[in-house]
Amino acid sequence: MSLPAVATHVFHRHLRTMPPRAVSGEGVYLVDAQGRRYLDACGGAAVSCLGHGHPEVLAAMHRQIDQLAYAHTSFFTTEVAEALADQLVRTAPPGMSHVYFVSGGSEAMEAAMKLARQYFVETGEPERRHFIARKQSYHGNTLGVLAVGGNAWRRAPFAPLLVEATHVSPCYPYREQRGDETPEQYGLR
């Protein structure tokens, strides 16, 4: 296998081709070094929905960075963290009284898995360690969440390293429900 002719120190996901170099973003578009515009229909792992260069978002980011860029949550809380937590709890289902902030989806999933494990350890059921997840799901890029991810081809190379998980049918009867099944039967298989 030969690497692309263009030198790079970035370990790209595809070693045989060099991706276009994005140089700017405008709303829902990314712009490459040749001025070509791409509809940014991905936004990372499909979770970035604010667009590029939105004036109100940029102004809010600058206000916060000018005041305080970072304070480690193990040692400090901040006004903005408390305000966001209050808003999330106000709009959450009944019984939700706290939030846990992390930097992204993979970390959130890992934290949820650890929280589930810790719950059963603390309640005297340490043998409960099996996760159930949906086929065709994607939860992130770490070994823990890869285990509960639903794409078998992504898991296969790392199978010896993964925690035990069972994968059930996706919640997608349009493609997955058999013609002779009722919705209830589909949900139970």
Protein backbone atom coordinates (compact mmCIF):
# COMPACT_ATOMS: atom_id res chain seq x y z
CA MET A 1 0.00 0.00 0.00
CA SER A 2 1.38 3.40 -0.90
CA LEU A 3 0.48 6.59 0.88
CA PRO A 4 -0.71 9.68 -1.00
CA ALA A 5 1.95 11.77 -2.71
CA VAL A 6 1.01 14.82 -0.62
CA ALA A 7 2.96 14.77 2.65
CA THR A 8 0.88 14.81 5.81
CA HIS A 9 1.48 14.02 9.43
CA VAL A 10 -2.24 13.54 10.04
CA PHE A 11 -3.28 9.90 10.37
CA HIS A 12 -6.34 10.11 8.11
CA ARG A 13 -9.02 7.43 8.15
CA HIS A 14 -8.25 6.45 4.55
CA LEU A 15 -4.55 6.00 3.87
CA ARG A 16 -4.74 5.75 0.07
CA THR A 17 -6.37 9.09 -0.59
CA MET A 18 -5.96 12.58 0.77
CA PRO A 19 -9.25 14.23 1.76
CA PRO A 20 -10.02 17.74 0.48
CA ARG A 21 -8.61 20.48 2.70
CA ALA A 22 -11.46 22.46 4.27
CA VAL A 23 -10.47 26.10 4.70
CA SER A 24 -13.72 27.73 5.80
CA GLY A 25 -17.35 27.17 6.64
CA GLU A 26 -20.42 29.18 5.72
CA GLY A 27 -23.74 28.17 7.24
CA VAL A 28 -24.40 24.59 6.12
CA TYR A 29 -21.41 24.53 3.74
CA LEU A 30 -17.73 23.66 3.99
CA VAL A 31 -15.38 25.29 1.49
CA ASP A 32 -12.19 23.60 0.30
CA ALA A 33 -8.86 25.12 -0.75
CA GLN A 34 -10.03 25.30 -4.39
CA GLY A 35 -13.21 27.16 -3.43
CA ARG A 36 -15.55 24.20 -3.93
CA ARG A 37 -18.53 24.16 -1.58
CA TYR A 38 -19.76 20.97 0.11
CA LEU A 39 -23.06 20.59 1.90
CA ASP A 40 -21.94 19.64 5.43
CA ALA A 41 -24.48 16.86 5.87
CA CYS A 42 -22.32 15.08 8.42
CA GLY A 43 -21.01 17.56 10.99
CA GLY A 44 -18.73 15.02 12.66
CA ALA A 45 -20.65 11.96 13.75
CA ALA A 46 -23.89 13.61 12.66
CA VAL A 47 -24.30 15.71 15.80
CA SER A 48 -23.20 19.24 14.85
CA CYS A 49 -26.29 21.19 13.91
CA LEU A 50 -25.39 24.83 14.49
CA GLY A 51 -23.78 25.48 11.11
CA HIS A 52 -20.61 27.41 10.43
CA GLY A 53 -20.03 31.07 11.26
CA HIS A 54 -23.43 31.88 12.79
CA PRO A 55 -23.00 35.39 14.27
CA GLU A 56 -25.01 34.75 17.46
CA VAL A 57 -23.16 31.50 18.16
CA LEU A 58 -19.78 33.15 17.54
CA ALA A 59 -20.68 36.09 19.79
CA ALA A 60 -21.73 33.77 22.62
CA MET A 61 -18.53 31.75 22.24
CA HIS A 62 -16.39 34.88 22.30
CA ARG A 63 -18.17 36.26 25.38
CA GLN A 64 -17.53 33.04 27.27
CA ILE A 65 -13.91 32.68 26.12
CA ASP A 66 -13.20 36.29 27.06
CA GLN A 67 -14.58 35.64 30.56
CA LEU A 68 -13.41 32.05 31.19
CA ALA A 69 -12.25 29.51 28.62
CA TYR A 70 -12.06 26.44 30.86
CA ALA A 71 -12.37 25.24 34.45
CA HIS A 72 -11.94 21.54 35.23
CA THR A 73 -15.22 20.09 36.47
CA SER A 74 -13.50 17.95 39.09
CA PHE A 75 -12.55 21.11 40.97
CA PHE A 76 -14.85 23.95 39.85
CA THR A 77 -18.33 24.75 38.66
CA THR A 78 -19.20 27.74 36.48
CA GLU A 79 -22.16 30.03 36.02
CA VAL A 80 -22.78 28.74 32.49
CA ALA A 81 -22.59 25.08 33.55
CA GLU A 82 -25.08 25.70 36.35
CA ALA A 83 -27.43 27.63 34.04
CA LEU A 84 -27.33 24.91 31.38
CA ALA A 85 -27.89 22.19 33.98
CA ASP A 86 -30.89 24.10 35.37
CA GLN A 87 -32.38 24.42 31.87
CA LEU A 88 -31.84 20.74 31.07
CA VAL A 89 -33.39 19.57 34.35
CA ARG A 90 -36.37 21.93 33.89
CA THR A 91 -37.11 20.37 30.49
CA ALA A 92 -36.22 16.76 31.37
CA PRO A 93 -38.73 14.03 32.20
CA PRO A 94 -39.84 13.81 35.85
CA GLY A 95 -37.25 12.27 38.15
CA MET A 96 -34.23 13.66 36.32
CA SER A 97 -32.52 15.98 38.77
CA HIS A 98 -28.86 16.14 37.71
CA VAL A 99 -26.76 16.30 34.54
CA TYR A 100 -23.22 15.16 33.84
CA PHE A 101 -21.26 17.19 31.29
CA VAL A 102 -18.64 15.59 29.06
CA SER A 103 -16.92 16.65 25.86
CA GLY A 104 -18.64 14.41 23.32
CA GLY A 105 -20.78 11.44 22.46
CA SER A 106 -18.18 8.71 22.93
CA GLU A 107 -17.33 10.02 26.38
CA ALA A 108 -21.02 10.34 27.25
CA MET A 109 -21.65 6.72 26.29
CA GLU A 110 -18.59 5.51 28.22
CA ALA A 111 -19.78 7.47 31.26
CA ALA A 112 -23.28 5.97 30.96
CA MET A 113 -21.84 2.45 30.78
CA LYS A 114 -19.65 3.12 33.81
CA LEU A 115 -22.61 4.62 35.69
CA ALA A 116 -24.71 1.52 34.95
CA ARG A 117 -21.88 -0.73 36.13
CA GLN A 118 -21.30 1.32 39.28
CA TYR A 119 -25.02 1.23 40.09
CA PHE A 120 -25.08 -2.57 40.11
CA VAL A 121 -21.83 -2.82 42.06
CA GLU A 122 -23.19 -0.41 44.70
CA THR A 123 -26.55 -2.22 44.93
CA GLY A 124 -24.94 -5.61 45.50
CA GLU A 125 -25.40 -7.06 42.01
CA PRO A 126 -21.87 -6.98 40.54
CA GLU A 127 -22.66 -9.94 38.28
CA ARG A 128 -24.91 -7.65 36.18
CA ARG A 129 -22.48 -6.54 33.50
CA HIS A 130 -24.18 -7.47 30.23
CA PHE A 131 -25.30 -4.70 27.85
CA ILE A 132 -28.17 -4.88 25.37
CA ALA A 133 -27.95 -2.62 22.32
CA ARG A 134 -29.56 -2.19 18.92
CA LYS A 135 -28.14 -3.58 15.68
CA GLN A 136 -27.15 -0.85 13.20
CA SER A 137 -26.53 1.63 16.03
CA TYR A 138 -23.48 3.86 16.37
CA HIS A 139 -22.41 5.16 19.76
CA GLY A 140 -18.85 6.38 19.33
CA ASN A 141 -15.20 5.63 18.73
CA THR A 142 -13.94 4.00 21.95
CA LEU A 143 -13.66 0.30 22.72
CA GLY A 144 -16.44 0.43 25.30
CA VAL A 145 -18.99 2.00 23.00
CA LEU A 146 -17.78 -0.01 20.03
CA ALA A 147 -18.92 -3.08 21.98
CA VAL A 148 -22.47 -1.76 22.21
CA GLY A 149 -22.41 -0.36 18.69
CA GLY A 150 -24.58 -2.27 16.27
CA ASN A 151 -22.30 -2.59 13.24
CA ALA A 152 -20.74 -6.06 13.32
CA TRP A 153 -18.12 -5.13 10.69
CA ARG A 154 -16.85 -2.31 12.93
CA ARG A 155 -16.66 -4.59 15.97
CA ALA A 156 -15.11 -7.66 14.31
CA PRO A 157 -11.40 -6.64 14.33
CA PHE A 158 -11.63 -5.70 18.02
CA ALA A 159 -13.90 -8.51 19.26
CA PRO A 160 -11.35 -9.97 21.73
CA LEU A 161 -11.13 -6.59 23.49
CA LEU A 162 -14.84 -5.80 23.79
CA VAL A 163 -17.22 -6.11 26.73
CA GLU A 164 -20.11 -8.55 26.39
CA ALA A 165 -23.19 -7.19 24.64
CA THR A 166 -26.25 -8.56 22.90
CA HIS A 167 -27.57 -6.77 19.84
CA VAL A 168 -31.31 -6.77 19.19
CA SER A 169 -33.19 -5.69 16.07
CA PRO A 170 -33.17 -2.00 15.24
CA CYS A 171 -36.32 -0.07 15.98
CA TYR A 172 -37.03 0.20 12.27
CA PRO A 173 -40.05 -1.86 11.22
CA TYR A 174 -40.17 -0.21 7.77
CA ARG A 175 -37.14 -2.26 6.71
CA GLU A 176 -36.87 -4.95 9.38
CA GLN A 177 -40.40 -6.16 10.13
CA ARG A 178 -41.36 -9.35 8.28
CA GLY A 179 -44.62 -9.39 6.35
CA ASP A 180 -46.18 -12.00 8.61
CA GLU A 181 -45.31 -10.15 11.85
CA THR A 182 -47.43 -7.79 13.88
CA PRO A 183 -45.68 -4.74 15.33
CA GLU A 184 -45.79 -6.46 18.73
CA GLN A 185 -44.12 -9.60 17.35
CA TYR A 186 -41.45 -7.52 15.63
CA GLY A 187 -40.75 -5.68 18.87
CA LEU A 188 -40.32 -8.92 20.80
CA ARG A 189 -37.81 -10.58 18.46
